Amino acid sequence: MLRSVSIIGGVLAFIVALALALHVTLSDLTRTANLAGIVQSFATAFVLIAGGAFAGYRLHQFRDFKPHVTINQTVSHRAISENYVHLIVTATLTNSSRVKLEFHEAYFRLQILSPISDREVENLYAKVFADENGESPWNLQWPTMEEASRRWVKGELVVEPGERHQETCEFVISNDVSSILVYTYFYNPGRGAIPQGWGTTTVCDIIP
């Protein structure tokens, strides 16, 4: 949208500059036929048009209107009882684009890497190459043990260009689990067939 506005602005500037040049030119012809005035009018129009074109070129070259987000995730844990472990997942969102970003939903998912049986590993690995529909899921679909979601109303979670925002989620898991995969995803549902979102994955070994 901003690109379209800048293009329209450039076109309007061209029309105004051309009209100004023609007006002054006709006036000079009818009144004094001053050749210097005619040349000056066209030179002014040319400078205005060239300046607007160059400004538009610089804008499109050095300003990216697409959103870009970097997510840095940390996972820490500690034993809180004989059988349970307290886990904290902290996701830091950095807006590395030139436009502000708004997030409406997110989820934190814990998946078990170990311990699982050899049969489960073999089945997971086979599904990477083809699932029941003959399509590849791309990643190993490890068993999910916990998942927590977050939602924000419009205008509640906005990250300006160059700014950072942290979200923390806590879990209590069994100490029978020795290794987990933490997947975090921030997104905006309802924007086309594929929601606009960003995710990250971290592997954590639960050391007693």
Protein backbone atom coordinates (compact mmCIF):
# COMPACT_ATOMS: atom_id res chain seq x y z
CA MET A 1 0.00 0.00 0.00
CA LEU A 2 2.79 2.44 0.91
CA ARG A 3 4.53 1.70 -2.37
CA SER A 4 1.31 2.47 -4.28
CA VAL A 5 0.92 5.75 -2.38
CA SER A 6 4.47 6.81 -3.23
CA ILE A 7 3.94 5.97 -6.93
CA ILE A 8 0.67 7.98 -7.00
CA GLY A 9 2.44 10.86 -5.26
CA GLY A 10 5.18 10.82 -7.89
CA VAL A 11 2.62 10.90 -10.69
CA LEU A 12 0.77 13.83 -9.09
CA ALA A 13 4.04 15.71 -8.64
CA PHE A 14 4.82 15.18 -12.32
CA ILE A 15 1.38 16.49 -13.38
CA VAL A 16 1.63 19.57 -11.15
CA ALA A 17 5.14 20.36 -12.32
CA LEU A 18 4.15 19.97 -15.98
CA ALA A 19 1.07 22.16 -15.54
CA LEU A 20 3.21 24.83 -13.86
CA ALA A 21 5.71 24.75 -16.68
CA LEU A 22 3.02 24.97 -19.37
CA HIS A 23 1.25 27.82 -17.55
CA VAL A 24 4.38 29.90 -17.22
CA THR A 25 5.41 29.06 -20.79
CA LEU A 26 2.11 30.19 -22.30
CA SER A 27 2.20 33.34 -20.23
CA ASP A 28 5.68 34.16 -21.44
CA LEU A 29 4.74 33.49 -25.04
CA THR A 30 1.66 35.67 -24.97
CA ARG A 31 3.14 38.49 -22.96
CA THR A 32 6.83 38.88 -23.57
CA ALA A 33 7.97 35.83 -25.57
CA ASN A 34 10.90 35.71 -23.24
CA LEU A 35 12.99 32.69 -24.27
CA ALA A 36 14.92 32.73 -21.03
CA GLY A 37 11.69 32.46 -19.05
CA ILE A 38 10.58 29.48 -21.13
CA VAL A 39 13.88 27.68 -20.59
CA GLN A 40 13.79 28.43 -16.87
CA SER A 41 10.24 27.08 -16.56
CA PHE A 42 11.12 23.80 -18.26
CA ALA A 43 14.30 23.52 -16.18
CA THR A 44 12.28 23.96 -12.98
CA ALA A 45 9.81 21.29 -14.07
CA PHE A 46 12.64 18.93 -14.96
CA VAL A 47 14.33 19.39 -11.58
CA LEU A 48 11.06 18.72 -9.74
CA ILE A 49 10.33 15.59 -11.77
CA ALA A 50 13.88 14.27 -11.49
CA GLY A 51 13.95 14.91 -7.76
CA GLY A 52 10.68 13.09 -7.19
CA ALA A 53 11.78 10.15 -9.32
CA PHE A 54 15.09 9.86 -7.46
CA ALA A 55 13.36 10.03 -4.06
CA GLY A 56 10.96 7.28 -5.10
CA TYR A 57 13.85 5.14 -6.36
CA ARG A 58 15.73 5.54 -3.07
CA LEU A 59 12.60 4.69 -1.10
CA HIS A 60 12.00 1.44 -2.95
CA GLN A 61 15.69 0.48 -2.93
CA PHE A 62 16.38 0.95 0.76
CA ARG A 63 13.00 0.47 2.46
CA ASP A 64 11.61 -3.03 2.78
CA PHE A 65 7.92 -3.09 3.67
CA LYS A 66 7.85 -6.82 4.42
CA PRO A 67 7.82 -7.89 8.09
CA HIS A 68 10.88 -9.70 9.45
CA VAL A 69 11.09 -11.24 12.93
CA THR A 70 13.95 -12.96 14.72
CA ILE A 71 13.06 -15.21 17.67
CA ASN A 72 15.74 -16.09 20.23
CA GLN A 73 14.63 -18.77 22.66
CA THR A 74 16.11 -19.91 25.96
CA VAL A 75 15.04 -22.92 28.01
CA SER A 76 16.00 -23.45 31.65
CA HIS A 77 14.94 -26.10 34.16
CA ARG A 78 15.37 -27.22 37.76
CA ALA A 79 14.08 -30.06 39.94
CA ILE A 80 11.25 -28.98 42.24
CA SER A 81 10.40 -32.31 43.81
CA GLU A 82 11.31 -35.96 43.71
CA ASN A 83 9.33 -36.59 40.51
CA TYR A 84 8.88 -33.23 38.78
CA VAL A 85 10.93 -30.59 36.96
CA HIS A 86 10.09 -26.91 36.53
CA LEU A 87 10.74 -25.62 32.99
CA ILE A 88 10.83 -22.00 31.80
CA VAL A 89 10.73 -21.09 28.10
CA THR A 90 11.58 -17.48 27.21
CA ALA A 91 11.08 -16.27 23.63
CA THR A 92 12.57 -12.90 22.64
CA LEU A 93 11.02 -11.38 19.51
CA THR A 94 13.12 -8.82 17.62
CA ASN A 95 11.48 -6.75 14.89
CA SER A 96 14.25 -6.52 12.30
CA SER A 97 12.02 -4.92 9.64
CA ARG A 98 11.03 -1.30 8.99
CA VAL A 99 7.35 -1.76 9.78
CA LYS A 100 5.64 -2.31 13.11
CA LEU A 101 4.38 -5.82 13.82
CA GLU A 102 1.32 -6.94 15.72
CA PHE A 103 0.84 -10.46 17.07
CA HIS A 104 -2.51 -12.01 17.95
CA GLU A 105 -1.70 -15.62 18.91
CA ALA A 106 1.19 -17.87 19.94
CA TYR A 107 1.81 -21.32 21.31
CA PHE A 108 4.62 -23.13 23.12
CA ARG A 109 4.86 -26.88 22.47
CA LEU A 110 6.96 -29.48 24.31
CA GLN A 111 7.73 -32.70 22.43
CA ILE A 112 9.47 -35.80 23.79
CA LEU A 113 12.77 -36.81 22.21
CA SER A 114 13.80 -39.27 24.88
CA PRO A 115 12.95 -41.75 26.15
CA ILE A 116 10.92 -43.37 23.36
CA SER A 117 11.08 -46.88 21.95
CA ASP A 118 12.99 -47.97 18.85
CA ARG A 119 9.69 -48.80 17.15
CA GLU A 120 8.43 -45.24 17.68
CA VAL A 121 11.65 -43.80 16.26
CA GLU A 122 11.42 -46.02 13.18
CA ASN A 123 7.77 -45.05 12.60
CA LEU A 124 8.55 -41.34 12.95
CA TYR A 125 11.46 -41.58 10.56
CA ALA A 126 9.36 -43.43 7.97
CA LYS A 127 6.69 -40.71 8.07
CA VAL A 128 9.24 -38.07 7.07
CA PHE A 129 9.35 -39.62 3.60
CA ALA A 130 5.61 -40.30 3.23
CA ASP A 131 2.58 -40.00 5.46
CA GLU A 132 -0.80 -41.71 5.01
CA ASN A 133 -1.63 -39.41 2.06
CA GLY A 134 1.71 -39.94 0.35
CA GLU A 135 2.88 -36.48 1.32
CA SER A 136 5.95 -35.60 3.37
CA PRO A 137 5.47 -33.72 6.69
CA TRP A 138 9.07 -32.42 6.30
CA ASN A 139 9.93 -32.77 10.00
CA LEU A 140 9.83 -35.60 12.50
CA GLN A 141 6.54 -35.40 14.38
CA TRP A 142 7.77 -36.15 17.90
CA PRO A 143 5.17 -37.04 20.55
CA THR A 144 3.66 -33.93 22.13
CA MET A 145 3.65 -33.87 25.93
CA GLU A 146 2.53 -30.30 26.71
CA GLU A 147 1.25 -27.25 24.82
CA ALA A 148 0.29 -23.77 26.01
CA SER A 149 -1.30 -21.02 23.91
CA ARG A 150 -1.49 -17.24 24.19
CA ARG A 151 -3.89 -14.72 22.66
CA TRP A 152 -3.79 -10.92 22.49
CA VAL A 153 -6.50 -8.48 21.50
CA LYS A 154 -5.91 -5.96 18.74
CA GLY A 155 -3.23 -3.45 19.70
CA GLU A 156 -2.11 -5.35 22.82
CA LEU A 157 1.12 -6.86 21.48
CA VAL A 158 2.80 -4.48 19.01
CA VAL A 159 6.55 -4.48 18.36
CA GLU A 160 7.96 -1.37 16.70
CA PRO A 161 10.91 -1.54 14.23
CA GLY A 162 14.15 -2.32 16.05
CA GLU A 163 12.39 -3.13 19.34
CA ARG A 164 12.26 -6.39 21.31
CA HIS A 165 9.57 -8.18 23.27
CA GLN A 166 9.82 -11.16 25.62
CA GLU A 167 7.23 -13.81 26.34
CA THR A 168 7.75 -16.44 29.05
CA CYS A 169 5.91 -19.72 29.54
CA GLU A 170 6.27 -22.15 32.46
CA PHE A 171 5.75 -25.91 32.52
CA VAL A 172 5.97 -28.69 35.10
CA ILE A 173 7.04 -32.01 33.58
CA SER A 174 7.95 -35.45 34.83
CA ASN A 175 11.60 -36.15 35.53
CA ASP A 176 11.22 -39.40 33.57
CA VAL A 177 11.76 -37.30 30.45
CA SER A 178 15.44 -36.89 29.61
CA SER A 179 15.33 -34.80 26.41
CA ILE A 180 12.69 -32.53 24.86
CA LEU A 181 12.15 -30.37 21.82
CA VAL A 182 10.59 -26.93 22.45
CA TYR A 183 8.77 -25.36 19.51
CA THR A 184 7.44 -21.79 19.76
CA TYR A 185 5.29 -20.09 17.14
CA PHE A 186 3.89 -16.54 16.97
CA TYR A 187 1.33 -15.83 14.28
CA ASN A 188 -1.66 -13.85 13.03
CA PRO A 189 -4.54 -16.14 11.96
CA GLY A 190 -7.05 -15.27 9.29
CA ARG A 191 -4.67 -13.60 6.83
CA GLY A 192 -5.04 -15.67 3.70
CA ALA A 193 -4.75 -19.43 3.34
CA ILE A 194 -1.41 -19.51 5.20
CA PRO A 195 -1.23 -17.49 8.44
CA GLN A 196 1.59 -15.01 8.81
CA GLY A 197 3.88 -16.35 11.51
CA TRP A 198 7.36 -17.03 12.82
CA GLY A 199 8.67 -19.97 14.83
CA THR A 200 11.79 -21.39 16.42
CA THR A 201 12.91 -24.73 17.86
CA THR A 202 15.20 -25.53 20.80
CA VAL A 203 16.41 -28.91 22.08
CA CYS A 204 16.87 -29.25 25.84
CA ASP A 205 18.40 -32.12 27.80
CA ILE A 206 16.85 -32.53 31.25
CA ILE A 207 19.85 -33.11 33.50
CA PRO A 208 18.96 -34.31 37.02
